[in-house]
Amino acid sequence: MQDVAEITIGSVVLAFPVALTEEVWTLSEQLPLGRTILISLSSILFIGWFGYHMFYRTILKSHWRDFLLRIFSVYVITLVVSAMILFAIDHFPVMTEPVATFKRMVIIAFPASFSATIVDSLGSRNRD
């Protein structure tokens, strides 16, 4: 639960201010879906790269499931945080504009996933 809390708080640090910008709302309407997926894959790649070099470089063979679970958890929690913030500020039109809503979540999750990963890594280092 402590990891989930760290990831959640870490993602809020950047998700909230980014979600409040009109640029994100406009970009989510104009950006092609393929580019949005590229942004999503880039986030996952960077989370994995950071996690590998910080924690799993020497133990990946015996902990590859934990490694994949951590990447998946960070990204999914960040997407959920993004959705909650968008819903709270009334910019989550999932019923009328599901594709734009998805794109907003991904655009917000890009920087937020990095802050979530860093806060999680700081917490993990303090426990070691």
N, C-alpha and C. Protein backbone atom coordinates (compact mmCIF):
# COMPACT_ATOMS: atom_id res chain seq x y z
N MET A 1 0.82 -1.21 0.00
CA MET A 1 0.00 0.00 0.00
C MET A 1 0.86 1.26 0.00
N GLN A 2 2.03 1.18 0.62
CA GLN A 2 2.89 2.37 0.66
C GLN A 2 3.35 2.73 -0.75
N ASP A 3 3.68 1.73 -1.56
CA ASP A 3 4.07 2.00 -2.95
C ASP A 3 2.94 2.66 -3.73
N VAL A 4 1.73 2.18 -3.54
CA VAL A 4 0.56 2.75 -4.23
C VAL A 4 0.37 4.21 -3.81
N ALA A 5 0.52 4.47 -2.53
CA ALA A 5 0.39 5.86 -2.05
C ALA A 5 1.47 6.75 -2.63
N GLU A 6 2.70 6.25 -2.68
CA GLU A 6 3.80 7.04 -3.25
C GLU A 6 3.56 7.33 -4.73
N ILE A 7 3.14 6.32 -5.46
CA ILE A 7 2.87 6.49 -6.89
C ILE A 7 1.73 7.48 -7.10
N THR A 8 0.69 7.35 -6.29
CA THR A 8 -0.47 8.25 -6.42
C THR A 8 -0.08 9.70 -6.13
N ILE A 9 0.58 9.92 -5.03
CA ILE A 9 1.00 11.28 -4.68
C ILE A 9 1.98 11.82 -5.71
N GLY A 10 2.91 11.00 -6.13
CA GLY A 10 3.88 11.42 -7.13
C GLY A 10 3.23 11.81 -8.45
N SER A 11 2.21 11.09 -8.85
CA SER A 11 1.55 11.43 -10.10
C SER A 11 0.71 12.70 -9.97
N VAL A 12 0.13 12.93 -8.82
CA VAL A 12 -0.66 14.14 -8.60
C VAL A 12 0.21 15.40 -8.71
N VAL A 13 1.47 15.27 -8.30
CA VAL A 13 2.39 16.42 -8.31
C VAL A 13 2.42 17.10 -9.68
N LEU A 14 2.46 16.33 -10.76
CA LEU A 14 2.48 16.93 -12.09
C LEU A 14 1.15 16.80 -12.83
N ALA A 15 0.35 15.81 -12.49
CA ALA A 15 -0.92 15.63 -13.21
C ALA A 15 -1.85 16.81 -12.99
N PHE A 16 -1.92 17.29 -11.77
CA PHE A 16 -2.87 18.37 -11.47
C PHE A 16 -2.56 19.65 -12.23
N PRO A 17 -1.32 20.17 -12.15
CA PRO A 17 -1.08 21.42 -12.90
C PRO A 17 -1.18 21.25 -14.41
N VAL A 18 -0.77 20.10 -14.93
CA VAL A 18 -0.86 19.88 -16.37
C VAL A 18 -2.31 19.77 -16.81
N ALA A 19 -3.14 19.12 -16.00
CA ALA A 19 -4.55 18.95 -16.35
C ALA A 19 -5.30 20.28 -16.41
N LEU A 20 -4.80 21.27 -15.73
CA LEU A 20 -5.48 22.57 -15.69
C LEU A 20 -5.18 23.45 -16.90
N THR A 21 -4.30 23.01 -17.78
CA THR A 21 -3.91 23.86 -18.90
C THR A 21 -4.80 23.65 -20.11
N GLU A 22 -5.16 24.74 -20.72
CA GLU A 22 -6.00 24.67 -21.92
C GLU A 22 -5.25 24.02 -23.08
N GLU A 23 -3.92 24.10 -23.07
CA GLU A 23 -3.13 23.47 -24.12
C GLU A 23 -3.38 21.97 -24.18
N VAL A 24 -3.51 21.34 -23.02
CA VAL A 24 -3.77 19.90 -22.98
C VAL A 24 -5.14 19.59 -23.58
N TRP A 25 -6.12 20.39 -23.24
CA TRP A 25 -7.47 20.16 -23.76
C TRP A 25 -7.49 20.31 -25.27
N THR A 26 -6.81 21.34 -25.77
CA THR A 26 -6.77 21.58 -27.22
C THR A 26 -5.96 20.50 -27.92
N LEU A 27 -4.81 20.18 -27.37
CA LEU A 27 -3.96 19.14 -27.97
C LEU A 27 -4.68 17.80 -28.04
N SER A 28 -5.46 17.50 -27.03
CA SER A 28 -6.18 16.22 -27.03
C SER A 28 -7.21 16.13 -28.15
N GLU A 29 -7.69 17.27 -28.61
CA GLU A 29 -8.64 17.29 -29.72
C GLU A 29 -7.94 17.25 -31.08
N GLN A 30 -6.70 17.74 -31.14
CA GLN A 30 -6.00 17.86 -32.41
C GLN A 30 -5.00 16.75 -32.69
N LEU A 31 -4.42 16.17 -31.66
CA LEU A 31 -3.38 15.16 -31.82
C LEU A 31 -3.95 13.87 -32.39
N PRO A 32 -3.33 13.33 -33.44
CA PRO A 32 -3.81 12.05 -33.97
C PRO A 32 -3.66 10.93 -32.94
N LEU A 33 -4.54 9.96 -33.00
CA LEU A 33 -4.54 8.86 -32.04
C LEU A 33 -3.22 8.10 -32.07
N GLY A 34 -2.64 7.94 -33.24
CA GLY A 34 -1.35 7.24 -33.35
C GLY A 34 -0.25 7.93 -32.56
N ARG A 35 -0.23 9.25 -32.60
CA ARG A 35 0.76 10.02 -31.83
C ARG A 35 0.49 9.88 -30.33
N THR A 36 -0.75 9.82 -29.97
CA THR A 36 -1.11 9.64 -28.56
C THR A 36 -0.61 8.28 -28.06
N ILE A 37 -0.78 7.27 -28.87
CA ILE A 37 -0.29 5.94 -28.50
C ILE A 37 1.23 5.95 -28.40
N LEU A 38 1.89 6.68 -29.28
CA LEU A 38 3.35 6.83 -29.21
C LEU A 38 3.76 7.49 -27.90
N ILE A 39 3.03 8.49 -27.47
CA ILE A 39 3.30 9.15 -26.18
C ILE A 39 3.14 8.14 -25.04
N SER A 40 2.08 7.36 -25.10
CA SER A 40 1.83 6.35 -24.07
C SER A 40 2.96 5.33 -24.02
N LEU A 41 3.37 4.83 -25.17
CA LEU A 41 4.46 3.85 -25.21
C LEU A 41 5.77 4.46 -24.73
N SER A 42 5.99 5.73 -25.05
CA SER A 42 7.19 6.43 -24.57
C SER A 42 7.20 6.51 -23.05
N SER A 43 6.06 6.81 -22.46
CA SER A 43 5.96 6.86 -21.00
C SER A 43 6.34 5.52 -20.39
N ILE A 44 5.77 4.46 -20.94
CA ILE A 44 6.03 3.12 -20.42
C ILE A 44 7.50 2.76 -20.59
N LEU A 45 8.08 3.11 -21.72
CA LEU A 45 9.49 2.84 -21.97
C LEU A 45 10.38 3.59 -20.97
N PHE A 46 10.09 4.87 -20.73
CA PHE A 46 10.90 5.65 -19.80
C PHE A 46 10.75 5.16 -18.37
N ILE A 47 9.54 4.78 -17.98
CA ILE A 47 9.33 4.23 -16.64
C ILE A 47 10.16 2.96 -16.47
N GLY A 48 10.10 2.10 -17.47
CA GLY A 48 10.87 0.85 -17.43
C GLY A 48 12.37 1.09 -17.41
N TRP A 49 12.83 2.03 -18.22
CA TRP A 49 14.25 2.33 -18.28
C TRP A 49 14.76 2.85 -16.94
N PHE A 50 14.01 3.77 -16.36
CA PHE A 50 14.39 4.32 -15.06
C PHE A 50 14.38 3.23 -13.99
N GLY A 51 13.30 2.45 -13.95
CA GLY A 51 13.19 1.38 -12.96
C GLY A 51 14.28 0.34 -13.10
N TYR A 52 14.60 0.00 -14.32
CA TYR A 52 15.65 -0.99 -14.55
C TYR A 52 16.99 -0.48 -14.00
N HIS A 53 17.34 0.74 -14.35
CA HIS A 53 18.64 1.26 -13.92
C HIS A 53 18.69 1.58 -12.43
N MET A 54 17.57 1.92 -11.84
CA MET A 54 17.58 2.25 -10.41
C MET A 54 17.49 1.01 -9.50
N PHE A 55 16.75 -0.02 -9.92
CA PHE A 55 16.45 -1.11 -9.00
C PHE A 55 16.70 -2.52 -9.54
N TYR A 56 16.48 -2.73 -10.81
CA TYR A 56 16.42 -4.10 -11.31
C TYR A 56 17.62 -4.52 -12.16
N ARG A 57 18.59 -3.66 -12.35
CA ARG A 57 19.70 -3.96 -13.23
C ARG A 57 20.42 -5.24 -12.82
N THR A 58 20.65 -5.44 -11.56
CA THR A 58 21.40 -6.61 -11.11
C THR A 58 20.51 -7.79 -10.71
N ILE A 59 19.21 -7.57 -10.60
CA ILE A 59 18.33 -8.64 -10.12
C ILE A 59 17.18 -8.95 -11.08
N LEU A 60 17.25 -8.44 -12.30
CA LEU A 60 16.11 -8.59 -13.22
C LEU A 60 15.76 -10.04 -13.51
N LYS A 61 16.75 -10.90 -13.65
CA LYS A 61 16.47 -12.30 -13.99
C LYS A 61 15.55 -12.97 -12.98
N SER A 62 15.73 -12.65 -11.72
CA SER A 62 14.90 -13.30 -10.69
C SER A 62 13.69 -12.46 -10.27
N HIS A 63 13.59 -11.23 -10.79
CA HIS A 63 12.48 -10.35 -10.40
C HIS A 63 11.79 -9.70 -11.59
N TRP A 64 11.79 -10.34 -12.74
CA TRP A 64 11.22 -9.72 -13.94
C TRP A 64 9.72 -9.51 -13.81
N ARG A 65 9.02 -10.37 -13.08
CA ARG A 65 7.58 -10.16 -12.88
C ARG A 65 7.31 -8.91 -12.03
N ASP A 66 8.11 -8.73 -10.99
CA ASP A 66 7.98 -7.53 -10.17
C ASP A 66 8.27 -6.27 -10.99
N PHE A 67 9.27 -6.38 -11.86
CA PHE A 67 9.65 -5.27 -12.72
C PHE A 67 8.49 -4.88 -13.63
N LEU A 68 7.88 -5.85 -14.30
CA LEU A 68 6.75 -5.58 -15.19
C LEU A 68 5.54 -5.07 -14.40
N LEU A 69 5.30 -5.65 -13.23
CA LEU A 69 4.18 -5.20 -12.39
C LEU A 69 4.38 -3.75 -11.96
N ARG A 70 5.60 -3.37 -11.63
CA ARG A 70 5.87 -2.00 -11.21
C ARG A 70 5.61 -1.03 -12.37
N ILE A 71 6.07 -1.36 -13.56
CA ILE A 71 5.83 -0.50 -14.73
C ILE A 71 4.34 -0.36 -14.97
N PHE A 72 3.63 -1.48 -15.00
CA PHE A 72 2.18 -1.48 -15.23
C PHE A 72 1.46 -0.69 -14.15
N SER A 73 1.84 -0.90 -12.90
CA SER A 73 1.18 -0.22 -11.77
C SER A 73 1.36 1.29 -11.85
N VAL A 74 2.58 1.72 -12.11
CA VAL A 74 2.83 3.16 -12.18
C VAL A 74 1.98 3.78 -13.28
N TYR A 75 1.95 3.15 -14.44
CA TYR A 75 1.22 3.76 -15.55
C TYR A 75 -0.29 3.74 -15.33
N VAL A 76 -0.81 2.64 -14.85
CA VAL A 76 -2.26 2.54 -14.63
C VAL A 76 -2.70 3.50 -13.52
N ILE A 77 -1.96 3.54 -12.43
CA ILE A 77 -2.33 4.46 -11.35
C ILE A 77 -2.28 5.90 -11.84
N THR A 78 -1.28 6.22 -12.64
CA THR A 78 -1.17 7.57 -13.18
C THR A 78 -2.34 7.90 -14.09
N LEU A 79 -2.75 6.95 -14.93
CA LEU A 79 -3.93 7.17 -15.78
C LEU A 79 -5.19 7.38 -14.94
N VAL A 80 -5.34 6.62 -13.88
CA VAL A 80 -6.51 6.76 -12.99
C VAL A 80 -6.49 8.13 -12.31
N VAL A 81 -5.33 8.55 -11.82
CA VAL A 81 -5.20 9.87 -11.21
C VAL A 81 -5.56 10.95 -12.22
N SER A 82 -5.06 10.81 -13.45
CA SER A 82 -5.38 11.77 -14.51
C SER A 82 -6.89 11.83 -14.75
N ALA A 83 -7.52 10.68 -14.82
CA ALA A 83 -8.97 10.63 -15.03
C ALA A 83 -9.72 11.29 -13.88
N MET A 84 -9.29 11.02 -12.66
CA MET A 84 -9.97 11.62 -11.50
C MET A 84 -9.85 13.14 -11.50
N ILE A 85 -8.67 13.64 -11.84
CA ILE A 85 -8.49 15.09 -11.88
C ILE A 85 -9.33 15.69 -13.00
N LEU A 86 -9.31 15.09 -14.17
CA LEU A 86 -10.13 15.59 -15.28
C LEU A 86 -11.61 15.57 -14.92
N PHE A 87 -12.04 14.53 -14.26
CA PHE A 87 -13.44 14.45 -13.82
C PHE A 87 -13.76 15.57 -12.83
N ALA A 88 -12.84 15.80 -11.90
CA ALA A 88 -13.06 16.82 -10.87
C ALA A 88 -13.15 18.23 -11.46
N ILE A 89 -12.42 18.48 -12.54
CA ILE A 89 -12.46 19.83 -13.14
C ILE A 89 -13.42 19.89 -14.33
N ASP A 90 -14.22 18.85 -14.48
CA ASP A 90 -15.27 18.79 -15.50
C ASP A 90 -14.72 18.85 -16.93
N HIS A 91 -13.62 18.11 -17.15
CA HIS A 91 -13.05 17.96 -18.49
C HIS A 91 -12.82 16.49 -18.79
N PHE A 92 -13.80 15.69 -18.49
CA PHE A 92 -13.74 14.24 -18.68
C PHE A 92 -15.00 13.78 -19.42
N PRO A 93 -15.14 14.19 -20.70
CA PRO A 93 -16.36 13.86 -21.45
C PRO A 93 -16.31 12.45 -22.04
N VAL A 94 -16.16 11.48 -21.20
CA VAL A 94 -15.97 10.11 -21.67
C VAL A 94 -17.18 9.57 -22.45
N MET A 95 -18.36 10.03 -22.14
CA MET A 95 -19.55 9.55 -22.85
C MET A 95 -19.73 10.22 -24.21
N THR A 96 -19.37 11.48 -24.31
CA THR A 96 -19.57 12.20 -25.57
C THR A 96 -18.31 12.26 -26.44
N GLU A 97 -17.14 12.27 -25.81
CA GLU A 97 -15.87 12.35 -26.55
C GLU A 97 -14.86 11.37 -25.95
N PRO A 98 -15.09 10.06 -26.11
CA PRO A 98 -14.19 9.09 -25.46
C PRO A 98 -12.75 9.13 -25.97
N VAL A 99 -12.55 9.37 -27.26
CA VAL A 99 -11.19 9.40 -27.80
C VAL A 99 -10.43 10.61 -27.27
N ALA A 100 -11.07 11.77 -27.27
CA ALA A 100 -10.42 12.98 -26.73
C ALA A 100 -10.13 12.81 -25.24
N THR A 101 -11.01 12.16 -24.52
CA THR A 101 -10.80 11.91 -23.10
C THR A 101 -9.59 11.01 -22.88
N PHE A 102 -9.51 9.95 -23.67
CA PHE A 102 -8.36 9.05 -23.59
C PHE A 102 -7.07 9.81 -23.88
N LYS A 103 -7.09 10.64 -24.92
CA LYS A 103 -5.90 11.40 -25.28
C LYS A 103 -5.50 12.38 -24.17
N ARG A 104 -6.46 13.00 -23.54
CA ARG A 104 -6.16 13.89 -22.41
C ARG A 104 -5.46 13.13 -21.28
N MET A 105 -6.00 11.98 -20.98
CA MET A 105 -5.41 11.17 -19.91
C MET A 105 -3.96 10.81 -20.24
N VAL A 106 -3.70 10.41 -21.47
CA VAL A 106 -2.35 10.00 -21.87
C VAL A 106 -1.40 11.20 -21.86
N ILE A 107 -1.85 12.34 -22.36
CA ILE A 107 -1.01 13.54 -22.37
C ILE A 107 -0.65 13.96 -20.95
N ILE A 108 -1.61 13.91 -20.05
CA ILE A 108 -1.36 14.27 -18.66
C ILE A 108 -0.47 13.22 -17.98
N ALA A 109 -0.69 11.97 -18.31
CA ALA A 109 0.08 10.88 -17.69
C ALA A 109 1.55 10.89 -18.10
N PHE A 110 1.87 11.50 -19.24
CA PHE A 110 3.27 11.50 -19.68
C PHE A 110 4.19 12.12 -18.62
N PRO A 111 4.03 13.36 -18.23
CA PRO A 111 4.92 13.89 -17.18
C PRO A 111 4.58 13.33 -15.79
N ALA A 112 3.31 13.06 -15.55
CA ALA A 112 2.90 12.60 -14.23
C ALA A 112 3.48 11.22 -13.90
N SER A 113 3.64 10.37 -14.90
CA SER A 113 4.21 9.05 -14.64
C SER A 113 5.67 9.16 -14.21
N PHE A 114 6.37 10.17 -14.72
CA PHE A 114 7.76 10.37 -14.32
C PHE A 114 7.85 10.83 -12.87
N SER A 115 7.00 11.77 -12.50
CA SER A 115 7.03 12.22 -11.10
C SER A 115 6.60 11.09 -10.17
N ALA A 116 5.66 10.26 -10.60
CA ALA A 116 5.24 9.11 -9.79
C ALA A 116 6.39 8.14 -9.60
N THR A 117 7.14 7.89 -10.66
CA THR A 117 8.27 6.96 -10.59
C THR A 117 9.36 7.50 -9.67
N ILE A 118 9.62 8.79 -9.75
CA ILE A 118 10.67 9.38 -8.91
C ILE A 118 10.27 9.36 -7.44
N VAL A 119 9.04 9.74 -7.14
CA VAL A 119 8.60 9.71 -5.74
C VAL A 119 8.61 8.27 -5.21
N ASP A 120 8.19 7.32 -6.03
CA ASP A 120 8.23 5.91 -5.63
C ASP A 120 9.67 5.46 -5.38
N SER A 121 10.60 5.89 -6.23
CA SER A 121 11.99 5.48 -6.04
C SER A 121 12.59 6.10 -4.78
N LEU A 122 12.21 7.34 -4.48
CA LEU A 122 12.69 7.97 -3.24
C LEU A 122 12.17 7.21 -2.02
N GLY A 123 10.92 6.82 -2.07
CA GLY A 123 10.36 6.04 -0.96
C GLY A 123 11.02 4.68 -0.82
N SER A 124 11.30 4.05 -1.95
CA SER A 124 11.95 2.74 -1.92
C SER A 124 13.36 2.84 -1.37
N ARG A 125 14.07 3.87 -1.73
CA ARG A 125 15.44 4.06 -1.22
C ARG A 125 15.43 4.30 0.29
N ASN A 126 14.43 5.01 0.78
CA ASN A 126 14.35 5.27 2.22
C ASN A 126 14.04 4.01 3.02
N ARG A 127 13.38 3.04 2.38
CA ARG A 127 13.05 1.78 3.07
C ARG A 127 14.23 0.81 3.08
N ASP A 128 15.17 0.99 2.13
CA ASP A 128 16.32 0.06 2.05
C ASP A 128 17.33 0.28 3.13
